[in-house]
């Protein structure tokens, strides 16, 4: 089981805080640092010191880390046009020496669009399908050739399709719980399928849909990586778990029900249940970005049991 760190900076985090988390995750042996792509705090509070842009953050981290992989869960399709986005991701991939992974979603948080004057179209899934086609199409275009796309929402004419990423194939992530279209998009474009904050039953059902969609697309279902994103709240004892739950405004029992919470042994046991339904990668949603001891506990007492 591959463990990755997943942060939600819109809840209140500076670039320096994210850099500390990314470097700590790298030193402790986590395989990747991922972040959300939001411009407004979700829930109560003002989100101070304010939002950080996902791809500007990752560009900085690309130059200030060495090994850890970097990515988004998920880049919001409403924030950036797909052509410039393909350029941005390819550039950050070069800046990192080929460590970028690219998650792309339709965008869902209408309030943040109103707050910063970003259009929030109704046909976001239609646009997402075109965006996935364009970004992957630009990257896949052979050097010396041009790329064209004449879609309903985007038109590209004779694009040189440059720059290319450093990696021969940037891993593409698609995720969600949509019953039909989401699995189809994953089967067509993704290297990894991610389910955010879902229980075992819903995860197993969705993995089965994606596997079936992959076979229908002419792919082997095991060509994809299957992963989950889950909130984590671990502690050496009940008091430590309760303290960490209180720090993020959650209840212990609710966290145990909907995430990975409790002692290291409890967390390992729950991860094992996700592994049994086909998940091979867990994105640990870390909500208290100042609690570095939390990461150390997971690295020293959870990770070794999953090797």
C-alpha atoms as a PDB file:
ATOM      1  CA  UNK A   1       0.000   0.000   0.000  1.00  0.00           C
ATOM      2  CA  UNK A   2       1.388   3.346  -1.114  1.00  0.00           C
ATOM      3  CA  UNK A   3       0.761   6.203   1.348  1.00  0.00           C
ATOM      4  CA  UNK A   4       0.671   9.798   0.137  1.00  0.00           C
ATOM      5  CA  UNK A   5       0.091  13.107   1.892  1.00  0.00           C
ATOM      6  CA  UNK A   6      -2.878  15.197   0.744  1.00  0.00           C
ATOM      7  CA  UNK A   7      -3.414  18.768   1.968  1.00  0.00           C
ATOM      8  CA  UNK A   8      -6.266  21.284   1.824  1.00  0.00           C
ATOM      9  CA  UNK A   9      -4.467  24.664   1.818  1.00  0.00           C
ATOM     10  CA  UNK A  10      -7.644  26.675   1.208  1.00  0.00           C
ATOM     11  CA  UNK A  11      -8.500  25.997   4.850  1.00  0.00           C
ATOM     12  CA  UNK A  12      -5.599  28.274   5.838  1.00  0.00           C
ATOM     13  CA  UNK A  13      -1.964  27.677   4.878  1.00  0.00           C
ATOM     14  CA  UNK A  14       0.894  29.690   3.454  1.00  0.00           C
ATOM     15  CA  UNK A  15       3.385  28.440   0.889  1.00  0.00           C
ATOM     16  CA  UNK A  16       6.005  28.121   3.635  1.00  0.00           C
ATOM     17  CA  UNK A  17       3.684  25.840   5.612  1.00  0.00           C
ATOM     18  CA  UNK A  18       3.137  23.653   2.564  1.00  0.00           C
ATOM     19  CA  UNK A  19       6.874  23.541   1.903  1.00  0.00           C
ATOM     20  CA  UNK A  20       7.480  22.340   5.455  1.00  0.00           C
ATOM     21  CA  UNK A  21       4.870  19.595   5.063  1.00  0.00           C
ATOM     22  CA  UNK A  22       6.228  18.512   1.665  1.00  0.00           C
ATOM     23  CA  UNK A  23       9.828  18.360   2.893  1.00  0.00           C
ATOM     24  CA  UNK A  24       8.803  16.506   6.041  1.00  0.00           C
ATOM     25  CA  UNK A  25       6.779  14.006   3.981  1.00  0.00           C
ATOM     26  CA  UNK A  26       9.780  13.502   1.714  1.00  0.00           C
ATOM     27  CA  UNK A  27      12.168  12.945   4.638  1.00  0.00           C
ATOM     28  CA  UNK A  28       9.778  10.465   6.258  1.00  0.00           C
ATOM     29  CA  UNK A  29       9.432   8.336   3.140  1.00  0.00           C
ATOM     30  CA  UNK A  30       5.934   9.185   1.878  1.00  0.00           C
ATOM     31  CA  UNK A  31       5.812   8.768  -1.883  1.00  0.00           C
ATOM     32  CA  UNK A  32       3.961  11.965  -2.816  1.00  0.00           C
ATOM     33  CA  UNK A  33       2.673  15.343  -1.721  1.00  0.00           C
ATOM     34  CA  UNK A  34      -0.675  16.354  -3.208  1.00  0.00           C
ATOM     35  CA  UNK A  35      -2.836  19.384  -2.647  1.00  0.00           C
ATOM     36  CA  UNK A  36      -6.362  20.474  -3.461  1.00  0.00           C
ATOM     37  CA  UNK A  37      -7.150  23.215  -5.986  1.00  0.00           C
ATOM     38  CA  UNK A  38      -9.451  25.713  -4.270  1.00  0.00           C
ATOM     39  CA  UNK A  39      -9.520  29.469  -3.791  1.00  0.00           C
ATOM     40  CA  UNK A  40     -11.946  29.667  -0.863  1.00  0.00           C
ATOM     41  CA  UNK A  41     -12.151  28.043   2.543  1.00  0.00           C
ATOM     42  CA  UNK A  42     -14.795  25.342   2.814  1.00  0.00           C
ATOM     43  CA  UNK A  43     -16.848  25.790   5.980  1.00  0.00           C
ATOM     44  CA  UNK A  44     -16.590  28.387   8.715  1.00  0.00           C
ATOM     45  CA  UNK A  45     -13.604  30.712   9.078  1.00  0.00           C
ATOM     46  CA  UNK A  46     -11.867  33.243   6.879  1.00  0.00           C
ATOM     47  CA  UNK A  47      -9.137  30.964   5.509  1.00  0.00           C
ATOM     48  CA  UNK A  48      -6.301  33.259   6.583  1.00  0.00           C
ATOM     49  CA  UNK A  49      -3.684  33.881   5.313  1.00  0.00           C
ATOM     50  CA  UNK A  50      -5.616  33.283   2.083  1.00  0.00           C
ATOM     51  CA  UNK A  51      -5.511  30.885  -0.844  1.00  0.00           C
ATOM     52  CA  UNK A  52      -2.427  29.674  -2.666  1.00  0.00           C
ATOM     53  CA  UNK A  53      -2.594  28.671  -6.312  1.00  0.00           C
ATOM     54  CA  UNK A  54      -2.130  24.935  -6.818  1.00  0.00           C
ATOM     55  CA  UNK A  55       0.238  25.003  -9.788  1.00  0.00           C
ATOM     56  CA  UNK A  56       2.278  27.952  -8.550  1.00  0.00           C
ATOM     57  CA  UNK A  57       2.698  26.051  -5.278  1.00  0.00           C
ATOM     58  CA  UNK A  58       3.758  22.882  -7.076  1.00  0.00           C
ATOM     59  CA  UNK A  59       6.217  24.830  -9.219  1.00  0.00           C
ATOM     60  CA  UNK A  60       7.884  26.127  -6.078  1.00  0.00           C
ATOM     61  CA  UNK A  61       7.921  22.714  -4.443  1.00  0.00           C
ATOM     62  CA  UNK A  62       9.368  21.219  -7.623  1.00  0.00           C
ATOM     63  CA  UNK A  63      12.520  23.287  -7.052  1.00  0.00           C
ATOM     64  CA  UNK A  64      12.644  22.790  -3.282  1.00  0.00           C
ATOM     65  CA  UNK A  65      12.184  19.027  -3.030  1.00  0.00           C
ATOM     66  CA  UNK A  66      14.170  16.193  -4.590  1.00  0.00           C
ATOM     67  CA  UNK A  67      12.327  12.856  -4.574  1.00  0.00           C
ATOM     68  CA  UNK A  68       8.699  13.173  -3.597  1.00  0.00           C
ATOM     69  CA  UNK A  69       6.099  13.156  -6.365  1.00  0.00           C
ATOM     70  CA  UNK A  70       3.802  16.175  -6.692  1.00  0.00           C
ATOM     71  CA  UNK A  71       0.218  16.552  -7.833  1.00  0.00           C
ATOM     72  CA  UNK A  72      -3.359  17.726  -7.427  1.00  0.00           C
ATOM     73  CA  UNK A  73      -6.583  16.148  -6.203  1.00  0.00           C
ATOM     74  CA  UNK A  74      -8.051  17.579  -8.352  1.00  0.00           C
ATOM     75  CA  UNK A  75      -7.148  20.515 -10.596  1.00  0.00           C
ATOM     76  CA  UNK A  76     -10.434  22.357 -11.191  1.00  0.00           C
ATOM     77  CA  UNK A  77     -11.367  22.336 -14.852  1.00  0.00           C
ATOM     78  CA  UNK A  78     -13.179  25.643 -14.431  1.00  0.00           C
ATOM     79  CA  UNK A  79     -10.055  27.573 -13.394  1.00  0.00           C
ATOM     80  CA  UNK A  80      -7.793  27.258 -16.454  1.00  0.00           C
ATOM     81  CA  UNK A  81      -8.091  26.785 -20.207  1.00  0.00           C
ATOM     82  CA  UNK A  82      -6.761  23.353 -21.199  1.00  0.00           C
ATOM     83  CA  UNK A  83      -4.092  24.595 -23.616  1.00  0.00           C
ATOM     84  CA  UNK A  84      -2.261  26.847 -21.127  1.00  0.00           C
ATOM     85  CA  UNK A  85      -2.858  24.229 -18.421  1.00  0.00           C
ATOM     86  CA  UNK A  86      -1.000  21.628 -20.484  1.00  0.00           C
ATOM     87  CA  UNK A  87       1.904  24.086 -20.752  1.00  0.00           C
ATOM     88  CA  UNK A  88       1.887  24.790 -17.000  1.00  0.00           C
ATOM     89  CA  UNK A  89       1.878  21.127 -15.989  1.00  0.00           C
ATOM     90  CA  UNK A  90       4.576  20.234 -18.522  1.00  0.00           C
ATOM     91  CA  UNK A  91       6.754  23.081 -17.236  1.00  0.00           C
ATOM     92  CA  UNK A  92       6.344  22.032 -13.598  1.00  0.00           C
ATOM     93  CA  UNK A  93       7.179  18.472 -14.633  1.00  0.00           C
ATOM     94  CA  UNK A  94      10.474  19.740 -16.064  1.00  0.00           C
ATOM     95  CA  UNK A  95      11.104  21.862 -12.974  1.00  0.00           C
ATOM     96  CA  UNK A  96      10.702  18.763 -10.804  1.00  0.00           C
ATOM     97  CA  UNK A  97      12.769  16.450 -12.974  1.00  0.00           C
ATOM     98  CA  UNK A  98       9.709  14.414 -13.961  1.00  0.00           C
ATOM     99  CA  UNK A  99       7.825  14.051 -10.668  1.00  0.00           C
ATOM    100  CA  UNK A 100       4.396  15.478 -11.524  1.00  0.00           C
ATOM    101  CA  UNK A 101       1.061  13.666 -11.521  1.00  0.00           C
ATOM    102  CA  UNK A 102      -2.007  15.363 -12.939  1.00  0.00           C
ATOM    103  CA  UNK A 103      -5.464  15.048 -11.433  1.00  0.00           C
ATOM    104  CA  UNK A 104      -8.231  16.865 -13.315  1.00  0.00           C
ATOM    105  CA  UNK A 105     -11.839  17.298 -12.224  1.00  0.00           C
ATOM    106  CA  UNK A 106     -14.860  19.275 -13.369  1.00  0.00           C
ATOM    107  CA  UNK A 107     -14.884  21.790 -10.483  1.00  0.00           C
ATOM    108  CA  UNK A 108     -17.761  21.829  -8.024  1.00  0.00           C
ATOM    109  CA  UNK A 109     -17.520  24.634  -5.423  1.00  0.00           C
ATOM    110  CA  UNK A 110     -19.746  27.353  -6.863  1.00  0.00           C
ATOM    111  CA  UNK A 111     -19.187  29.807  -4.011  1.00  0.00           C
ATOM    112  CA  UNK A 112     -15.466  30.171  -4.712  1.00  0.00           C
ATOM    113  CA  UNK A 113     -16.225  30.956  -8.349  1.00  0.00           C
ATOM    114  CA  UNK A 114     -18.532  33.784  -7.307  1.00  0.00           C
ATOM    115  CA  UNK A 115     -15.970  35.044  -4.787  1.00  0.00           C
ATOM    116  CA  UNK A 116     -13.239  35.446  -7.419  1.00  0.00           C
ATOM    117  CA  UNK A 117     -15.276  36.143 -10.559  1.00  0.00           C
ATOM    118  CA  UNK A 118     -14.703  32.765 -12.214  1.00  0.00           C
ATOM    119  CA  UNK A 119     -17.446  31.472 -14.551  1.00  0.00           C
ATOM    120  CA  UNK A 120     -19.266  28.394 -13.267  1.00  0.00           C
ATOM    121  CA  UNK A 121     -20.864  26.785 -16.334  1.00  0.00           C
ATOM    122  CA  UNK A 122     -23.569  24.164 -16.118  1.00  0.00           C
ATOM    123  CA  UNK A 123     -21.936  21.845 -18.651  1.00  0.00           C
ATOM    124  CA  UNK A 124     -18.814  21.191 -16.567  1.00  0.00           C
ATOM    125  CA  UNK A 125     -18.649  17.447 -17.270  1.00  0.00           C
ATOM    126  CA  UNK A 126     -18.886  18.071 -21.022  1.00  0.00           C
ATOM    127  CA  UNK A 127     -16.044  20.566 -20.704  1.00  0.00           C
ATOM    128  CA  UNK A 128     -14.020  18.140 -18.570  1.00  0.00           C
ATOM    129  CA  UNK A 129     -14.209  15.509 -21.292  1.00  0.00           C
ATOM    130  CA  UNK A 130     -12.843  17.981 -23.843  1.00  0.00           C
ATOM    131  CA  UNK A 131     -10.185  19.178 -21.412  1.00  0.00           C
ATOM    132  CA  UNK A 132      -8.914  15.652 -20.831  1.00  0.00           C
ATOM    133  CA  UNK A 133      -8.806  15.049 -24.576  1.00  0.00           C
ATOM    134  CA  UNK A 134      -6.913  18.292 -25.210  1.00  0.00           C
ATOM    135  CA  UNK A 135      -4.314  18.046 -22.449  1.00  0.00           C
ATOM    136  CA  UNK A 136      -3.481  14.416 -23.165  1.00  0.00           C
ATOM    137  CA  UNK A 137      -3.643  15.052 -26.905  1.00  0.00           C
ATOM    138  CA  UNK A 138      -1.179  17.929 -26.719  1.00  0.00           C
ATOM    139  CA  UNK A 139       1.274  15.869 -24.689  1.00  0.00           C
ATOM    140  CA  UNK A 140       0.927  12.850 -27.005  1.00  0.00           C
ATOM    141  CA  UNK A 141       1.488  14.788 -30.258  1.00  0.00           C
ATOM    142  CA  UNK A 142       4.771  13.741 -31.852  1.00  0.00           C
ATOM    143  CA  UNK A 143       7.492  16.411 -32.041  1.00  0.00           C
ATOM    144  CA  UNK A 144       7.375  18.234 -35.340  1.00  0.00           C
ATOM    145  CA  UNK A 145       3.623  17.664 -35.684  1.00  0.00           C
ATOM    146  CA  UNK A 146       0.738  19.949 -34.757  1.00  0.00           C
ATOM    147  CA  UNK A 147      -2.412  19.344 -32.750  1.00  0.00           C
ATOM    148  CA  UNK A 148      -5.927  20.488 -33.627  1.00  0.00           C
ATOM    149  CA  UNK A 149      -9.173  20.217 -31.707  1.00  0.00           C
ATOM    150  CA  UNK A 150     -12.549  21.400 -32.928  1.00  0.00           C
ATOM    151  CA  UNK A 151     -14.876  20.865 -30.005  1.00  0.00           C
ATOM    152  CA  UNK A 152     -18.039  22.405 -28.678  1.00  0.00           C
ATOM    153  CA  UNK A 153     -16.227  24.445 -26.031  1.00  0.00           C
ATOM    154  CA  UNK A 154     -12.582  24.606 -27.162  1.00  0.00           C
ATOM    155  CA  UNK A 155     -10.912  25.019 -30.534  1.00  0.00           C
ATOM    156  CA  UNK A 156      -7.164  24.641 -31.070  1.00  0.00           C
ATOM    157  CA  UNK A 157      -5.661  25.294 -34.499  1.00  0.00           C
ATOM    158  CA  UNK A 158      -2.235  23.983 -35.534  1.00  0.00           C
ATOM    159  CA  UNK A 159      -0.812  24.015 -32.031  1.00  0.00           C
ATOM    160  CA  UNK A 160       2.884  23.068 -31.884  1.00  0.00           C
ATOM    161  CA  UNK A 161       1.895  21.099 -28.771  1.00  0.00           C
ATOM    162  CA  UNK A 162       4.899  22.315 -26.826  1.00  0.00           C
ATOM    163  CA  UNK A 163       6.463  21.992 -24.356  1.00  0.00           C
ATOM    164  CA  UNK A 164       6.439  18.265 -23.742  1.00  0.00           C
ATOM    165  CA  UNK A 165       6.616  17.048 -20.130  1.00  0.00           C
ATOM    166  CA  UNK A 166       9.874  15.593 -18.843  1.00  0.00           C
ATOM    167  CA  UNK A 167       8.160  12.241 -18.327  1.00  0.00           C
ATOM    168  CA  UNK A 168       7.263  10.222 -21.381  1.00  0.00           C
ATOM    169  CA  UNK A 169       3.805   9.862 -19.798  1.00  0.00           C
ATOM    170  CA  UNK A 170       2.524  12.113 -17.017  1.00  0.00           C
ATOM    171  CA  UNK A 171       0.192   9.999 -14.861  1.00  0.00           C
ATOM    172  CA  UNK A 172      -3.367  11.286 -15.215  1.00  0.00           C
ATOM    173  CA  UNK A 173      -5.871  10.907 -12.375  1.00  0.00           C
ATOM    174  CA  UNK A 174      -9.647  10.946 -12.725  1.00  0.00           C
ATOM    175  CA  UNK A 175     -11.941  10.443  -9.758  1.00  0.00           C
ATOM    176  CA  UNK A 176     -15.409  10.614  -8.295  1.00  0.00           C
ATOM    177  CA  UNK A 177     -18.515   8.575  -7.662  1.00  0.00           C
ATOM    178  CA  UNK A 178     -20.495   9.210 -10.844  1.00  0.00           C
ATOM    179  CA  UNK A 179     -22.052   5.941 -11.934  1.00  0.00           C
ATOM    180  CA  UNK A 180     -21.484   5.991 -15.699  1.00  0.00           C
ATOM    181  CA  UNK A 181     -19.682   8.971 -17.201  1.00  0.00           C
ATOM    182  CA  UNK A 182     -16.927   9.154 -14.593  1.00  0.00           C
ATOM    183  CA  UNK A 183     -15.885   5.510 -15.095  1.00  0.00           C
ATOM    184  CA  UNK A 184     -15.948   6.007 -18.852  1.00  0.00           C
ATOM    185  CA  UNK A 185     -13.667   9.065 -18.661  1.00  0.00           C
ATOM    186  CA  UNK A 186     -11.313   7.206 -16.348  1.00  0.00           C
ATOM    187  CA  UNK A 187     -11.185   4.231 -18.690  1.00  0.00           C
ATOM    188  CA  UNK A 188     -10.421   6.462 -21.668  1.00  0.00           C
ATOM    189  CA  UNK A 189      -7.924   8.913 -20.195  1.00  0.00           C
ATOM    190  CA  UNK A 190      -6.690   7.947 -16.723  1.00  0.00           C
ATOM    191  CA  UNK A 191      -3.740   6.060 -15.343  1.00  0.00           C
ATOM    192  CA  UNK A 192      -5.255   6.171 -11.863  1.00  0.00           C
ATOM    193  CA  UNK A 193      -8.799   6.261 -10.535  1.00  0.00           C
ATOM    194  CA  UNK A 194      -9.349   7.947  -7.184  1.00  0.00           C
ATOM    195  CA  UNK A 195     -12.360   7.891  -4.877  1.00  0.00           C
ATOM    196  CA  UNK A 196     -12.554  10.774  -2.398  1.00  0.00           C
ATOM    197  CA  UNK A 197     -13.894  10.217   1.122  1.00  0.00           C
ATOM    198  CA  UNK A 198     -16.060   7.172   0.484  1.00  0.00           C
ATOM    199  CA  UNK A 199     -16.665   4.039   2.505  1.00  0.00           C
ATOM    200  CA  UNK A 200     -15.786   0.497   1.590  1.00  0.00           C
ATOM    201  CA  UNK A 201     -19.103  -0.420  -0.007  1.00  0.00           C
ATOM    202  CA  UNK A 202     -19.266   2.639  -2.267  1.00  0.00           C
ATOM    203  CA  UNK A 203     -15.575   2.311  -3.135  1.00  0.00           C
ATOM    204  CA  UNK A 204     -15.875  -1.338  -4.111  1.00  0.00           C
ATOM    205  CA  UNK A 205     -18.926  -0.651  -6.260  1.00  0.00           C
ATOM    206  CA  UNK A 206     -17.187   2.235  -8.050  1.00  0.00           C
ATOM    207  CA  UNK A 207     -13.976   0.289  -8.613  1.00  0.00           C
ATOM    208  CA  UNK A 208     -16.060  -2.442 -10.246  1.00  0.00           C
ATOM    209  CA  UNK A 209     -17.677   0.126 -12.554  1.00  0.00           C
ATOM    210  CA  UNK A 210     -14.293   1.497 -13.588  1.00  0.00           C
ATOM    211  CA  UNK A 211     -12.917  -1.994 -14.200  1.00  0.00           C
ATOM    212  CA  UNK A 212     -15.888  -2.785 -16.418  1.00  0.00           C
ATOM    213  CA  UNK A 213     -15.505   0.520 -18.283  1.00  0.00           C
ATOM    214  CA  UNK A 214     -11.809  -0.169 -18.855  1.00  0.00           C
ATOM    215  CA  UNK A 215     -12.568  -3.578 -20.347  1.00  0.00           C
ATOM    216  CA  UNK A 216     -15.230  -1.996 -22.565  1.00  0.00           C
ATOM    217  CA  UNK A 217     -12.624   0.543 -23.715  1.00  0.00           C
ATOM    218  CA  UNK A 218     -10.298  -2.299 -24.697  1.00  0.00           C
ATOM    219  CA  UNK A 219      -7.949  -1.894 -21.728  1.00  0.00           C
ATOM    220  CA  UNK A 220      -7.011  -4.382 -19.072  1.00  0.00           C
ATOM    221  CA  UNK A 221      -8.726  -3.291 -15.875  1.00  0.00           C
ATOM    222  CA  UNK A 222      -5.467  -3.708 -13.954  1.00  0.00           C
ATOM    223  CA  UNK A 223      -3.813  -1.096 -16.189  1.00  0.00           C
ATOM    224  CA  UNK A 224      -5.219   1.501 -13.789  1.00  0.00           C
ATOM    225  CA  UNK A 225      -4.142   2.229 -10.241  1.00  0.00           C
ATOM    226  CA  UNK A 226      -7.130   2.313  -7.855  1.00  0.00           C
ATOM    227  CA  UNK A 227      -6.869   4.678  -4.902  1.00  0.00           C
ATOM    228  CA  UNK A 228      -8.778   6.353  -2.072  1.00  0.00           C
ATOM    229  CA  UNK A 229      -8.482   9.706  -0.337  1.00  0.00           C
ATOM    230  CA  UNK A 230      -9.350   9.524   3.363  1.00  0.00           C
ATOM    231  CA  UNK A 231      -8.972  11.847   6.324  1.00  0.00           C
ATOM    232  CA  UNK A 232      -6.408  10.614   8.839  1.00  0.00           C
ATOM    233  CA  UNK A 233      -6.346  11.123  12.606  1.00  0.00           C
ATOM    234  CA  UNK A 234      -3.955   8.720  14.343  1.00  0.00           C
ATOM    235  CA  UNK A 235      -2.596   8.719  17.858  1.00  0.00           C
ATOM    236  CA  UNK A 236      -0.608   6.526  20.213  1.00  0.00           C
ATOM    237  CA  UNK A 237      -3.519   6.491  22.642  1.00  0.00           C
ATOM    238  CA  UNK A 238      -7.131   7.612  22.966  1.00  0.00           C
ATOM    239  CA  UNK A 239      -6.164  10.991  24.426  1.00  0.00           C
ATOM    240  CA  UNK A 240      -3.861  11.777  21.506  1.00  0.00           C
ATOM    241  CA  UNK A 241      -6.496  10.746  18.977  1.00  0.00           C
ATOM    242  CA  UNK A 242      -9.080  12.927  20.749  1.00  0.00           C
ATOM    243  CA  UNK A 243      -6.686  15.885  20.815  1.00  0.00           C
ATOM    244  CA  UNK A 244      -6.013  15.607  17.099  1.00  0.00           C
ATOM    245  CA  UNK A 245      -9.724  15.233  16.305  1.00  0.00           C
ATOM    246  CA  UNK A 246     -10.542  18.340  18.344  1.00  0.00           C
ATOM    247  CA  UNK A 247      -7.803  20.295  16.562  1.00  0.00           C
ATOM    248  CA  UNK A 248      -9.579  19.767  13.229  1.00  0.00           C
ATOM    249  CA  UNK A 249     -13.098  20.224  14.623  1.00  0.00           C
ATOM    250  CA  UNK A 250     -14.182  16.597  14.211  1.00  0.00           C
ATOM    251  CA  UNK A 251     -15.482  13.815  16.463  1.00  0.00           C
ATOM    252  CA  UNK A 252     -13.435  10.659  16.954  1.00  0.00           C
ATOM    253  CA  UNK A 253     -16.253   8.223  16.230  1.00  0.00           C
ATOM    254  CA  UNK A 254     -17.205  10.091  13.064  1.00  0.00           C
ATOM    255  CA  UNK A 255     -13.587   9.988  11.906  1.00  0.00           C
ATOM    256  CA  UNK A 256     -13.384   6.267  12.594  1.00  0.00           C
ATOM    257  CA  UNK A 257     -16.551   5.748  10.576  1.00  0.00           C
ATOM    258  CA  UNK A 258     -15.581   7.929   7.610  1.00  0.00           C
ATOM    259  CA  UNK A 259     -11.790   7.905   7.598  1.00  0.00           C
ATOM    260  CA  UNK A 260      -8.669   6.466   9.143  1.00  0.00           C
ATOM    261  CA  UNK A 261      -8.687   7.194  12.861  1.00  0.00           C
ATOM    262  CA  UNK A 262      -7.485   5.625  16.071  1.00  0.00           C
ATOM    263  CA  UNK A 263      -4.316   3.841  17.068  1.00  0.00           C
ATOM    264  CA  UNK A 264      -1.741   2.828  14.465  1.00  0.00           C
ATOM    265  CA  UNK A 265      -3.112  -0.715  14.664  1.00  0.00           C
ATOM    266  CA  UNK A 266      -6.656   0.524  13.978  1.00  0.00           C
ATOM    267  CA  UNK A 267      -5.466   2.591  11.033  1.00  0.00           C
ATOM    268  CA  UNK A 268      -3.540  -0.348   9.588  1.00  0.00           C
ATOM    269  CA  UNK A 269      -6.570  -2.621   9.950  1.00  0.00           C
ATOM    270  CA  UNK A 270      -8.823  -0.124   8.141  1.00  0.00           C
ATOM    271  CA  UNK A 271      -6.288   0.358   5.357  1.00  0.00           C
ATOM    272  CA  UNK A 272      -6.182  -3.419   4.979  1.00  0.00           C
ATOM    273  CA  UNK A 273      -9.919  -3.438   4.316  1.00  0.00           C
ATOM    274  CA  UNK A 274      -9.463  -0.930   1.486  1.00  0.00           C
ATOM    275  CA  UNK A 275      -6.619  -3.017   0.118  1.00  0.00           C
ATOM    276  CA  UNK A 276      -8.905  -6.044   0.062  1.00  0.00           C
ATOM    277  CA  UNK A 277     -11.315  -4.306  -2.349  1.00  0.00           C
ATOM    278  CA  UNK A 278      -8.515  -3.319  -4.731  1.00  0.00           C
ATOM    279  CA  UNK A 279      -7.150  -0.009  -3.479  1.00  0.00           C
ATOM    280  CA  UNK A 280      -3.359   0.134  -3.677  1.00  0.00           C
ATOM    281  CA  UNK A 281      -2.823   3.787  -2.785  1.00  0.00           C
ATOM    282  CA  UNK A 282      -4.193   5.968   0.007  1.00  0.00           C
ATOM    283  CA  UNK A 283      -4.055   9.761   0.010  1.00  0.00           C
ATOM    284  CA  UNK A 284      -3.999  10.728   3.681  1.00  0.00           C
ATOM    285  CA  UNK A 285      -5.923  13.969   4.089  1.00  0.00           C
ATOM    286  CA  UNK A 286      -3.925  15.840   6.726  1.00  0.00           C
ATOM    287  CA  UNK A 287      -5.930  18.780   8.040  1.00  0.00           C
ATOM    288  CA  UNK A 288      -3.677  20.100  10.831  1.00  0.00           C
ATOM    289  CA  UNK A 289      -0.655  21.223   8.826  1.00  0.00           C
ATOM    290  CA  UNK A 290       1.300  22.265  11.900  1.00  0.00           C
ATOM    291  CA  UNK A 291       1.253  18.826  13.553  1.00  0.00           C
ATOM    292  CA  UNK A 292       4.409  17.313  12.098  1.00  0.00           C
ATOM    293  CA  UNK A 293       4.461  14.693  14.863  1.00  0.00           C
ATOM    294  CA  UNK A 294       1.333  13.244  13.258  1.00  0.00           C
ATOM    295  CA  UNK A 295       3.239  12.525  10.054  1.00  0.00           C
ATOM    296  CA  UNK A 296       6.130  11.039  12.006  1.00  0.00           C
ATOM    297  CA  UNK A 297       3.783   8.707  13.880  1.00  0.00           C
ATOM    298  CA  UNK A 298       2.243   7.445  10.635  1.00  0.00           C
ATOM    299  CA  UNK A 299       5.667   6.982   9.049  1.00  0.00           C
ATOM    300  CA  UNK A 300       7.125   5.116  12.009  1.00  0.00           C
ATOM    301  CA  UNK A 301       4.171   3.013  13.184  1.00  0.00           C
ATOM    302  CA  UNK A 302       1.775   2.643  10.238  1.00  0.00           C
ATOM    303  CA  UNK A 303       3.919   2.552   7.111  1.00  0.00           C
ATOM    304  CA  UNK A 304       6.232  -0.289   8.237  1.00  0.00           C
ATOM    305  CA  UNK A 305       3.215  -2.552   8.804  1.00  0.00           C
ATOM    306  CA  UNK A 306       2.072  -2.011   5.198  1.00  0.00           C
ATOM    307  CA  UNK A 307       5.374  -2.896   3.545  1.00  0.00           C
END
